[in-house]
Amino acid sequence: MTMIDRRMVLAGGVAWASVGRALAIERVLDVAYVNANAWTGDPRQPHTDAIGLVGDRIVATGAGAVKAAIGRATKVIDLEGAFVTPGFIDNHTHFMIGSAALMQPDLLSATTIPDFAARLGAAARARPGKWILGGSWDEQRLGGQLPTRVWIDEATGDTPVAIPRTDLHMYLLNSAALKIAGITRDTPDIAGGVIVRDAQGEPTGILKDNAKALAERVFPVPTPSEWQAIMRGGIAHALSRGFTQVHTPEPFDWTTYETARQLRAKGETDLRFYCFVPIRDWGKMAAIVKAEGRGDDWVRWGAVKALADGSLGSRTAVFRDAYTDAHDQHGVRVTSLADLKAYVGGADRAGLHVTTHAIGDLANDDVLDLYAEIVRENGARDRRFRIEHAQHLSQAAIPRFAKQHVIASVQPFHAIDDGRWAIERIGQARLRGTYAFRSLIDSGATVTFGSDWPVGPLDAIEGIYAAVTRETIDGKNPAGWLP
């Protein structure tokens, strides 16, 4: 995918205020973009040839209005016919994980087990003894079998490795990491998680969902200054891709929120953030909102995220019927329904914005039921409940999004990625409600797009391409997968 020239995307600090005329301008323009081929996003006047800014607001569009407001101090930028679009907003990123992954080895492009192990071995030799926490892997690109510590132990030796599956719902650990984490055959599973074991009962190195915490508790913790450096790299990457705002629905920690606020205090946030924190901490966030408000145009907060289930790739998404390729598995409830109700109810009463991750059909039905119950209990208001992913829906669930005013926060790249193998997991019948973007839109639902970076690439154009064409990344569905 071609890198986007930042001249062509309206800068992150700019808000599109009007089209077709100048607003009441109390002083001359600070910046004027002329000779543009700009798409405004406003159906009343979708195109314009000039844009005028005062501060971080667009106050004039059209050559006549902009020219009339140019003064001696105005910076005039001739775009020479370049295409301009309002900046992209990504509805779902794991921003710090993605930013850190920019500095980790590329494992996703490995297509053989020896190549996969060799890349990790090279990373281990480059920084012996230092934790390797990325990049990510996808067993579907390595023959379909889940990796094990045996694959990588020889190559990595005593250097601890804990690398996430591309969906972030599993880790692969080598033996060195298992030893540091104290995970043995005697370690019990924890609620909402799975330690995968071999026929002899020994851990294979795979930890699913909540079991990942067994490893995370021993990970090295970067300092605030190190996190800030990591975030700066992610910001530069996002801006290079044309993004001007990202949503960061984080279910486990406050790192993105804290680091974004630190950079904002230094005046270093060229990218806008809408920060979510774990729903279990809703009381803490409610207290911050009461004391400090909800932030500003650059860094906003007051939102919380819950997890209903896991992922399709990890077989932890919760379905009514068993997995087609694992008849004894229905998925994993990452958060119990009782806890989910308590968290969502409390956060909603506090006026916080709630979103919940749900992948499987039963998980989505459960969340829709819960949201309806909370509305009945707490009363009607413009709360904008969201469901993150809404990937595999029962036919009855599709119209409920519009009826209940629940936002479907979807990530189209997942469709062309998972489309390579989803039928093996859940069979043909359940695919009718899989990645049903058009059905949701036609039913009247509000549907927003994002990337789930680094689960998917931070690339709006590729996401739009995925939504429109549904051509899977293996090239095997040129007419579209489930068009």
Protein backbone atom coordinates (compact mmCIF):
# COMPACT_ATOMS: atom_id res chain seq x y z
CA MET A 1 0.00 0.00 0.00
CA THR A 2 1.41 3.36 -1.05
CA MET A 3 2.30 5.75 1.76
CA ILE A 4 -0.02 8.74 1.94
CA ASP A 5 1.56 12.13 1.32
CA ARG A 6 0.70 14.17 4.40
CA ARG A 7 0.08 17.21 2.18
CA MET A 8 -2.97 15.39 0.90
CA VAL A 9 -4.59 14.73 4.28
CA LEU A 10 -5.88 17.62 6.34
CA ALA A 11 -3.52 17.82 9.33
CA GLY A 12 -4.38 16.22 12.67
CA GLY A 13 -5.08 19.47 14.45
CA VAL A 14 -7.59 20.74 11.92
CA ALA A 15 -11.35 20.45 12.30
CA TRP A 16 -13.56 20.72 9.23
CA ALA A 17 -15.97 23.53 10.07
CA SER A 18 -17.79 24.51 6.88
CA VAL A 19 -17.86 24.29 3.14
CA GLY A 20 -18.71 26.68 0.39
CA ARG A 21 -18.30 29.95 2.24
CA ALA A 22 -16.20 31.88 4.69
CA LEU A 23 -17.28 32.02 8.31
CA ALA A 24 -17.14 35.28 10.22
CA ILE A 25 -13.37 35.80 10.21
CA GLU A 26 -12.09 38.19 12.84
CA ARG A 27 -8.54 38.11 11.47
CA VAL A 28 -6.77 37.05 8.33
CA LEU A 29 -6.02 33.42 7.62
CA ASP A 30 -3.06 31.74 9.25
CA VAL A 31 -2.77 29.17 6.46
CA ALA A 32 -4.35 28.99 3.00
CA TYR A 33 -4.28 25.86 0.84
CA VAL A 34 -4.92 26.78 -2.79
CA ASN A 35 -5.15 24.90 -6.10
CA ALA A 36 -6.52 21.89 -4.24
CA ASN A 37 -8.65 18.98 -5.36
CA ALA A 38 -10.40 18.53 -2.02
CA TRP A 39 -13.19 16.18 -1.03
CA THR A 40 -15.02 17.70 1.93
CA GLY A 41 -17.24 14.85 3.09
CA ASP A 42 -20.20 17.26 3.07
CA PRO A 43 -22.89 16.18 0.58
CA ARG A 44 -24.03 19.80 0.19
CA GLN A 45 -20.73 20.64 -1.47
CA PRO A 46 -18.50 17.58 -1.72
CA HIS A 47 -15.58 19.28 -3.46
CA THR A 48 -13.63 22.51 -3.08
CA ASP A 49 -10.48 24.02 -4.54
CA ALA A 50 -9.18 26.04 -1.57
CA ILE A 51 -9.14 25.80 2.23
CA GLY A 52 -8.44 28.54 4.77
CA LEU A 53 -7.39 28.01 8.40
CA VAL A 54 -7.36 30.17 11.51
CA GLY A 55 -5.67 28.28 14.31
CA ASP A 56 -6.89 24.70 14.19
CA ARG A 57 -10.21 25.47 12.49
CA ILE A 58 -11.18 25.63 8.84
CA VAL A 59 -12.95 28.97 8.42
CA ALA A 60 -13.19 29.31 4.64
CA THR A 61 -13.46 27.11 1.58
CA GLY A 62 -13.51 27.92 -2.10
CA ALA A 63 -11.03 30.04 -4.01
CA GLY A 64 -13.00 33.27 -3.69
CA ALA A 65 -13.59 33.09 0.05
CA VAL A 66 -10.04 31.98 0.79
CA LYS A 67 -8.41 34.61 -1.44
CA ALA A 68 -10.44 37.36 0.23
CA ALA A 69 -9.15 36.35 3.67
CA ILE A 70 -5.44 36.09 2.81
CA GLY A 71 -3.22 38.68 4.47
CA ARG A 72 0.48 39.49 4.59
CA ALA A 73 1.12 36.99 7.38
CA THR A 74 -0.85 34.16 5.78
CA LYS A 75 1.16 31.10 4.82
CA VAL A 76 -0.03 30.16 1.34
CA ILE A 77 0.52 26.56 0.24
CA ASP A 78 -0.02 25.71 -3.41
CA LEU A 79 -1.12 22.08 -3.62
CA GLU A 80 -0.76 22.03 -7.41
CA GLY A 81 -3.94 20.02 -7.87
CA ALA A 82 -3.16 17.42 -5.21
CA PHE A 83 -6.09 15.47 -3.76
CA VAL A 84 -7.03 16.44 -0.19
CA THR A 85 -9.32 14.60 2.18
CA PRO A 86 -10.28 15.13 5.81
CA GLY A 87 -8.04 13.00 8.02
CA PHE A 88 -9.00 9.44 8.89
CA ILE A 89 -10.27 8.41 12.34
CA ASP A 90 -9.56 4.83 13.43
CA ASN A 91 -12.26 3.45 15.71
CA HIS A 92 -10.13 0.72 17.29
CA THR A 93 -6.40 0.56 17.91
CA HIS A 94 -4.18 -1.00 20.53
CA PHE A 95 -1.92 1.95 20.11
CA MET A 96 0.93 1.18 22.49
CA ILE A 97 1.13 -2.47 21.42
CA GLY A 98 1.18 -1.39 17.79
CA SER A 99 3.74 1.31 18.44
CA ALA A 100 6.02 -1.12 20.27
CA ALA A 101 5.59 -3.68 17.47
CA LEU A 102 7.16 -1.23 15.03
CA MET A 103 10.47 -2.05 16.75
CA GLN A 104 9.97 -5.83 16.88
CA PRO A 105 10.90 -8.57 14.37
CA ASP A 106 8.55 -9.23 11.46
CA LEU A 107 7.08 -12.67 12.07
CA LEU A 108 3.80 -12.45 10.14
CA SER A 109 5.48 -12.77 6.77
CA ALA A 110 7.18 -16.03 7.78
CA THR A 111 5.56 -18.94 5.94
CA THR A 112 7.57 -21.89 7.30
CA ILE A 113 8.39 -23.03 10.81
CA PRO A 114 12.19 -22.87 10.24
CA ASP A 115 11.89 -19.31 8.92
CA PHE A 116 9.69 -18.34 11.90
CA ALA A 117 12.21 -19.78 14.36
CA ALA A 118 15.16 -18.23 12.53
CA ARG A 119 13.68 -14.74 12.76
CA LEU A 120 13.20 -15.11 16.50
CA GLY A 121 16.70 -16.51 16.79
CA ALA A 122 18.14 -13.46 15.06
CA ALA A 123 16.25 -11.18 17.45
CA ALA A 124 17.54 -13.17 20.42
CA ARG A 125 21.14 -12.94 19.22
CA ALA A 126 20.77 -9.19 18.71
CA ARG A 127 19.70 -8.67 22.35
CA PRO A 128 20.57 -11.83 24.28
CA GLY A 129 18.66 -12.24 27.51
CA LYS A 130 16.25 -9.37 26.78
CA TRP A 131 12.56 -10.20 26.50
CA ILE A 132 11.16 -10.55 22.99
CA LEU A 133 7.51 -9.45 23.14
CA GLY A 134 6.68 -9.14 19.41
CA GLY A 135 5.95 -9.18 16.55
CA SER A 136 2.88 -11.25 16.08
CA TRP A 137 2.20 -14.63 14.50
CA ASP A 138 -0.59 -16.38 12.64
CA GLU A 139 -0.62 -20.17 12.57
CA GLN A 140 -2.71 -20.07 9.38
CA ARG A 141 0.36 -18.78 7.56
CA LEU A 142 2.48 -21.57 9.05
CA GLY A 143 0.44 -24.59 8.04
CA GLY A 144 -2.51 -24.26 10.44
CA GLN A 145 -1.07 -25.94 13.55
CA LEU A 146 -0.70 -23.92 16.75
CA PRO A 147 2.98 -23.22 17.44
CA THR A 148 4.68 -24.60 20.53
CA ARG A 149 7.74 -23.78 22.59
CA VAL A 150 9.50 -26.70 20.89
CA TRP A 151 9.47 -24.77 17.62
CA ILE A 152 11.51 -21.90 19.04
CA ASP A 153 13.44 -23.15 22.09
CA GLU A 154 16.62 -24.08 20.24
CA ALA A 155 16.74 -20.80 18.32
CA THR A 156 16.05 -18.56 21.32
CA GLY A 157 17.83 -20.39 24.14
CA ASP A 158 17.78 -18.47 27.44
CA THR A 159 16.27 -15.33 25.91
CA PRO A 160 12.64 -15.19 27.12
CA VAL A 161 10.02 -14.96 24.38
CA ALA A 162 6.31 -14.11 24.76
CA ILE A 163 4.84 -13.13 21.41
CA PRO A 164 1.15 -12.51 20.68
CA ARG A 165 -0.98 -14.13 18.05
CA THR A 166 -2.07 -11.53 15.53
CA ASP A 167 -5.48 -11.26 17.25
CA LEU A 168 -3.80 -10.52 20.63
CA HIS A 169 -5.80 -13.33 22.29
CA MET A 170 -2.91 -15.80 22.64
CA TYR A 171 0.75 -15.73 23.57
CA LEU A 172 3.45 -18.14 22.49
CA LEU A 173 6.12 -18.53 25.18
CA ASN A 174 9.40 -20.37 24.95
CA SER A 175 10.66 -22.52 27.81
CA ALA A 176 12.77 -19.68 29.21
CA ALA A 177 9.70 -17.46 29.53
CA LEU A 178 7.58 -20.25 31.03
CA LYS A 179 10.26 -20.77 33.67
CA ILE A 180 10.44 -17.08 34.58
CA ALA A 181 6.63 -16.93 34.79
CA GLY A 182 6.54 -20.06 36.95
CA ILE A 183 4.12 -21.84 34.61
CA THR A 184 4.35 -25.63 34.94
CA ARG A 185 2.15 -28.69 34.51
CA ASP A 186 0.81 -27.98 38.01
CA THR A 187 -0.30 -24.42 37.24
CA PRO A 188 -4.11 -24.37 37.15
CA ASP A 189 -6.12 -22.62 34.45
CA ILE A 190 -7.69 -19.33 35.49
CA ALA A 191 -11.21 -18.12 34.84
CA GLY A 192 -11.61 -16.85 31.30
CA GLY A 193 -8.29 -18.28 30.15
CA VAL A 194 -6.59 -21.48 29.00
CA ILE A 195 -3.08 -22.90 29.39
CA VAL A 196 -2.74 -25.21 26.39
CA ARG A 197 -1.09 -28.51 27.36
CA ASP A 198 0.33 -31.45 25.44
CA ALA A 199 -0.68 -35.10 25.82
CA GLN A 200 1.58 -35.40 28.87
CA GLY A 201 0.01 -32.37 30.56
CA GLU A 202 3.00 -30.09 29.98
CA PRO A 203 2.38 -26.48 28.87
CA THR A 204 2.98 -26.12 25.14
CA GLY A 205 3.77 -22.42 25.48
CA ILE A 206 0.32 -21.21 24.34
CA LEU A 207 -1.67 -19.05 26.77
CA LYS A 208 -5.19 -17.98 25.78
CA ASP A 209 -7.03 -14.82 26.87
CA ASN A 210 -7.00 -14.31 30.67
CA ALA A 211 -4.19 -16.88 31.04
CA LYS A 212 -1.93 -14.34 29.31
CA ALA A 213 -1.81 -12.49 32.63
CA LEU A 214 0.35 -15.29 34.03
CA ALA A 215 3.11 -14.13 31.70
CA GLU A 216 2.37 -10.41 31.69
CA ARG A 217 2.98 -10.12 35.43
CA VAL A 218 6.69 -10.80 34.84
CA PHE A 219 7.17 -8.67 31.73
CA PRO A 220 9.64 -5.79 32.06
CA VAL A 221 7.79 -2.48 32.47
CA PRO A 222 9.06 0.47 30.41
CA THR A 223 9.60 3.76 32.19
CA PRO A 224 7.28 6.69 31.41
CA SER A 225 9.97 8.24 29.20
CA GLU A 226 10.36 4.95 27.32
CA TRP A 227 6.59 4.73 26.79
CA GLN A 228 6.60 8.29 25.51
CA ALA A 229 9.31 7.43 22.98
CA ILE A 230 7.30 4.40 21.87
CA MET A 231 4.16 6.51 21.46
CA ARG A 232 6.02 9.15 19.44
CA GLY A 233 6.99 6.44 16.98
CA GLY A 234 3.38 5.30 16.75
CA ILE A 235 2.15 8.85 16.25
CA ALA A 236 4.59 9.37 13.38
CA HIS A 237 3.42 6.11 11.81
CA ALA A 238 -0.26 7.04 12.16
CA LEU A 239 0.24 10.50 10.68
CA SER A 240 2.16 9.01 7.75
CA ARG A 241 -0.93 6.91 7.03
CA GLY A 242 -3.28 9.88 7.04
CA PHE A 243 -4.81 9.38 10.48
CA THR A 244 -5.71 12.40 12.58
CA GLN A 245 -7.43 10.61 15.48
CA VAL A 246 -7.40 7.13 16.97
CA HIS A 247 -9.71 5.46 19.47
CA THR A 248 -7.87 3.25 21.94
CA PRO A 249 -10.26 0.74 23.57
CA GLU A 250 -7.87 -0.90 26.03
CA PRO A 251 -9.33 -3.65 28.24
CA PHE A 252 -6.32 -4.25 30.50
CA ASP A 253 -4.24 -1.17 31.31
CA TRP A 254 -4.04 2.62 31.42
CA THR A 255 -0.76 3.03 29.54
CA THR A 256 -2.17 4.68 26.42
CA TYR A 257 -4.28 7.11 28.45
CA GLU A 258 -1.42 8.03 30.77
CA THR A 259 1.17 8.41 28.02
CA ALA A 260 -1.12 10.46 25.78
CA ARG A 261 -1.82 12.84 28.67
CA GLN A 262 1.90 13.16 29.36
CA LEU A 263 2.66 14.04 25.74
CA ARG A 264 -0.30 16.42 25.66
CA ALA A 265 1.13 18.25 28.67
CA LYS A 266 4.34 18.68 26.67
CA GLY A 267 2.46 19.86 23.58
CA GLU A 268 3.64 16.83 21.59
CA THR A 269 0.37 15.22 20.52
CA ASP A 270 0.13 15.82 16.78
CA LEU A 271 -2.43 12.99 16.76
CA ARG A 272 -5.77 13.11 18.58
CA PHE A 273 -6.65 10.35 21.06
CA TYR A 274 -9.96 9.10 22.43
CA CYS A 275 -8.86 6.92 25.32
CA PHE A 276 -10.75 3.98 26.82
CA VAL A 277 -9.61 2.28 30.03
CA PRO A 278 -10.54 -1.13 31.52
CA ILE A 279 -14.15 -1.26 32.63
CA ARG A 280 -13.18 -2.85 35.93
CA ASP A 281 -11.68 0.57 36.78
CA TRP A 282 -14.82 2.52 35.94
CA GLY A 283 -14.95 4.04 39.42
CA LYS A 284 -11.47 5.50 39.06
CA MET A 285 -12.29 6.96 35.65
CA ALA A 286 -15.58 8.38 36.94
CA ALA A 287 -13.66 10.18 39.69
CA ILE A 288 -11.23 11.64 37.15
CA VAL A 289 -14.10 12.89 34.99
CA LYS A 290 -15.77 14.48 38.02
CA ALA A 291 -12.56 16.22 39.09
CA GLU A 292 -11.02 17.12 35.72
CA GLY A 293 -13.65 16.77 33.02
CA ARG A 294 -13.14 14.68 29.88
CA GLY A 295 -10.02 16.21 28.37
CA ASP A 296 -9.81 18.42 25.31
CA ASP A 297 -9.81 18.20 21.52
CA TRP A 298 -6.45 16.43 21.54
CA VAL A 299 -6.77 13.86 24.32
CA ARG A 300 -10.23 12.87 25.48
CA TRP A 301 -11.29 10.29 28.04
CA GLY A 302 -14.35 9.16 29.97
CA ALA A 303 -14.78 5.84 28.15
CA VAL A 304 -14.37 2.23 29.32
CA LYS A 305 -14.02 -1.12 27.57
CA ALA A 306 -15.25 -4.57 28.56
CA LEU A 307 -14.52 -8.02 27.11
CA ALA A 308 -17.35 -10.52 26.61
CA ASP A 309 -15.35 -13.24 24.85
CA GLY A 310 -12.13 -13.99 22.99
CA SER A 311 -11.44 -14.44 19.27
CA LEU A 312 -12.35 -16.74 16.40
CA GLY A 313 -8.72 -17.57 15.66
CA SER A 314 -8.13 -18.69 19.24
CA ARG A 315 -11.46 -20.57 19.39
CA THR A 316 -12.36 -18.43 22.40
CA ALA A 317 -15.15 -16.42 20.74
CA VAL A 318 -18.41 -17.55 22.38
CA PHE A 319 -20.95 -19.29 20.10
CA ARG A 320 -24.29 -20.96 20.80
CA ASP A 321 -23.22 -24.06 18.90
CA ALA A 322 -19.84 -25.76 19.14
CA TYR A 323 -17.00 -24.97 16.79
CA THR A 324 -17.18 -26.97 13.59
CA ASP A 325 -13.56 -28.06 13.96
CA ALA A 326 -13.67 -28.55 17.76
CA HIS A 327 -16.95 -30.13 18.80
CA ASP A 328 -16.24 -29.83 22.52
CA GLN A 329 -15.60 -26.08 22.44
CA HIS A 330 -18.03 -23.15 22.49
CA GLY A 331 -15.52 -20.42 23.39
CA VAL A 332 -14.49 -18.67 26.60
CA ARG A 333 -16.38 -16.03 28.55
CA VAL A 334 -13.53 -13.68 29.36
CA THR A 335 -15.81 -11.81 31.76
CA SER A 336 -18.69 -13.54 33.52
CA LEU A 337 -22.17 -12.23 32.73
CA ALA A 338 -22.64 -11.24 36.37
CA ASP A 339 -19.43 -9.20 36.40
CA LEU A 340 -20.23 -7.72 33.01
CA LYS A 341 -23.61 -6.50 34.23
CA ALA A 342 -22.09 -4.98 37.37
CA TYR A 343 -19.35 -3.20 35.44
CA VAL A 344 -21.54 -1.91 32.60
CA GLY A 345 -24.31 -0.86 34.94
CA GLY A 346 -21.98 1.04 37.24
CA ALA A 347 -20.08 2.73 34.42
CA ASP A 348 -23.31 3.74 32.70
CA ARG A 349 -24.79 5.20 35.88
CA ALA A 350 -21.62 7.27 36.20
CA GLY A 351 -22.18 8.67 32.70
CA LEU A 352 -19.18 6.95 31.13
CA HIS A 353 -19.10 5.79 27.51
CA VAL A 354 -19.19 1.98 27.40
CA THR A 355 -18.01 -0.38 24.69
CA THR A 356 -17.80 -4.17 24.83
CA HIS A 357 -15.74 -6.58 22.74
CA ALA A 358 -17.94 -9.35 21.32
CA ILE A 359 -17.00 -11.77 18.52
CA GLY A 360 -19.21 -14.88 18.67
CA ASP A 361 -22.95 -14.94 18.03
CA LEU A 362 -23.86 -15.77 21.63
CA ALA A 363 -21.50 -13.12 22.98
CA ASN A 364 -23.11 -10.48 20.75
CA ASP A 365 -26.61 -11.58 21.77
CA ASP A 366 -25.60 -11.45 25.43
CA VAL A 367 -24.19 -7.93 25.12
CA LEU A 368 -27.24 -6.66 23.25
CA ASP A 369 -29.46 -8.19 25.95
CA LEU A 370 -27.34 -6.61 28.66
CA TYR A 371 -27.39 -3.19 27.03
CA ALA A 372 -31.19 -3.35 26.77
CA GLU A 373 -31.43 -4.28 30.44
CA ILE A 374 -29.15 -1.41 31.48
CA VAL A 375 -31.24 1.08 29.49
CA ARG A 376 -34.39 -0.15 31.25
CA GLU A 377 -32.73 0.15 34.64
CA ASN A 378 -30.83 3.42 34.18
CA GLY A 379 -33.23 5.25 31.89
CA ALA A 380 -33.01 6.54 28.34
CA ARG A 381 -30.28 8.96 27.24
CA ASP A 382 -27.83 9.43 24.38
CA ARG A 383 -25.31 6.92 25.76
CA ARG A 384 -23.95 5.55 22.42
CA PHE A 385 -23.24 2.02 23.58
CA ARG A 386 -20.79 0.26 21.25
CA ILE A 387 -19.93 -3.31 20.43
CA GLU A 388 -16.36 -3.80 19.26
CA HIS A 389 -16.01 -6.13 16.26
CA ALA A 390 -19.61 -7.51 16.08
CA GLN A 391 -18.11 -10.17 13.85
CA HIS A 392 -20.44 -13.17 13.89
CA LEU A 393 -24.09 -12.25 14.36
CA SER A 394 -27.28 -14.24 14.53
CA GLN A 395 -29.87 -13.07 12.03
CA ALA A 396 -32.00 -11.78 14.90
CA ALA A 397 -29.14 -9.65 16.21
CA ILE A 398 -28.59 -7.60 13.05
CA PRO A 399 -31.67 -5.34 13.32
CA ARG A 400 -31.18 -4.92 17.07
CA PHE A 401 -28.17 -2.63 16.61
CA ALA A 402 -30.33 0.03 14.97
CA LYS A 403 -33.34 -0.58 17.21
CA GLN A 404 -31.24 -0.25 20.38
CA HIS A 405 -29.01 2.55 19.00
CA VAL A 406 -25.89 0.42 19.53
CA ILE A 407 -22.89 1.38 17.39
CA ALA A 408 -21.26 -1.46 15.47
CA SER A 409 -17.53 -0.74 15.70
CA VAL A 410 -16.11 -3.02 13.01
CA GLN A 411 -12.74 -3.63 11.41
CA PRO A 412 -13.10 -4.73 7.76
CA PHE A 413 -9.58 -6.14 7.38
CA HIS A 414 -10.60 -9.02 9.64
CA ALA A 415 -13.04 -10.19 6.97
CA ILE A 416 -10.42 -10.59 4.26
CA ASP A 417 -7.97 -12.12 6.74
CA ASP A 418 -10.28 -14.56 8.56
CA GLY A 419 -12.09 -15.32 5.30
CA ARG A 420 -9.26 -17.68 4.39
CA TRP A 421 -10.28 -20.20 7.05
CA ALA A 422 -13.46 -19.09 8.93
CA ILE A 423 -15.62 -21.75 7.27
CA GLU A 424 -13.47 -24.43 8.90
CA ARG A 425 -14.14 -22.92 12.33
CA ILE A 426 -17.88 -22.27 12.20
CA GLY A 427 -19.28 -23.84 9.02
CA GLN A 428 -21.29 -22.41 6.14
CA ALA A 429 -24.57 -21.72 7.95
CA ARG A 430 -23.08 -19.33 10.52
CA LEU A 431 -21.26 -17.38 7.83
CA ARG A 432 -24.57 -15.71 6.89
CA GLY A 433 -24.09 -13.27 9.75
CA THR A 434 -20.32 -12.97 9.51
CA TYR A 435 -18.80 -9.50 8.98
CA ALA A 436 -22.27 -8.35 7.91
CA PHE A 437 -21.39 -4.70 7.29
CA ARG A 438 -23.91 -4.10 4.50
CA SER A 439 -26.70 -5.86 6.39
CA LEU A 440 -26.05 -3.69 9.44
CA ILE A 441 -25.99 -0.50 7.37
CA ASP A 442 -29.16 -1.45 5.49
CA SER A 443 -30.91 -2.14 8.80
CA GLY A 444 -30.22 1.45 9.88
CA ALA A 445 -27.36 0.78 12.28
CA THR A 446 -24.52 3.20 12.83
CA VAL A 447 -21.39 1.41 11.58
CA THR A 448 -17.87 2.75 12.08
CA PHE A 449 -14.61 1.41 10.67
CA GLY A 450 -11.16 0.89 12.13
CA SER A 451 -8.12 -1.34 11.95
CA ASP A 452 -7.62 -3.06 15.34
CA TRP A 453 -3.94 -2.20 14.83
CA PRO A 454 -1.65 -4.13 15.18
CA VAL A 455 -4.11 -7.00 14.67
CA GLY A 456 -4.70 -5.43 11.27
CA PRO A 457 -2.54 -2.90 9.43
CA LEU A 458 -2.96 0.77 10.34
CA ASP A 459 -4.20 1.57 6.86
CA ALA A 460 -7.59 3.16 6.18
CA ILE A 461 -7.35 2.61 2.44
CA GLU A 462 -6.78 -1.10 2.89
CA GLY A 463 -9.68 -1.24 5.34
CA ILE A 464 -12.01 0.46 2.88
CA TYR A 465 -10.75 -1.86 0.14
CA ALA A 466 -11.53 -4.84 2.38
CA ALA A 467 -15.05 -3.59 3.08
CA VAL A 468 -15.82 -2.89 -0.58
CA THR A 469 -14.20 -5.88 -2.31
CA ARG A 470 -14.00 -8.56 0.43
CA GLU A 471 -11.17 -10.14 -1.55
CA THR A 472 -9.26 -12.33 0.91
CA ILE A 473 -5.56 -11.70 1.37
CA ASP A 474 -4.67 -15.05 -0.17
CA GLY A 475 -6.22 -13.92 -3.47
CA LYS A 476 -8.61 -16.88 -3.58
CA ASN A 477 -11.82 -14.85 -3.58
CA PRO A 478 -11.42 -12.31 -6.41
CA ALA A 479 -15.20 -11.83 -6.62
CA GLY A 480 -15.44 -11.24 -2.89
CA TRP A 481 -15.82 -13.54 0.10
CA LEU A 482 -19.50 -13.64 1.11
CA PRO A 483 -20.24 -10.49 -0.93
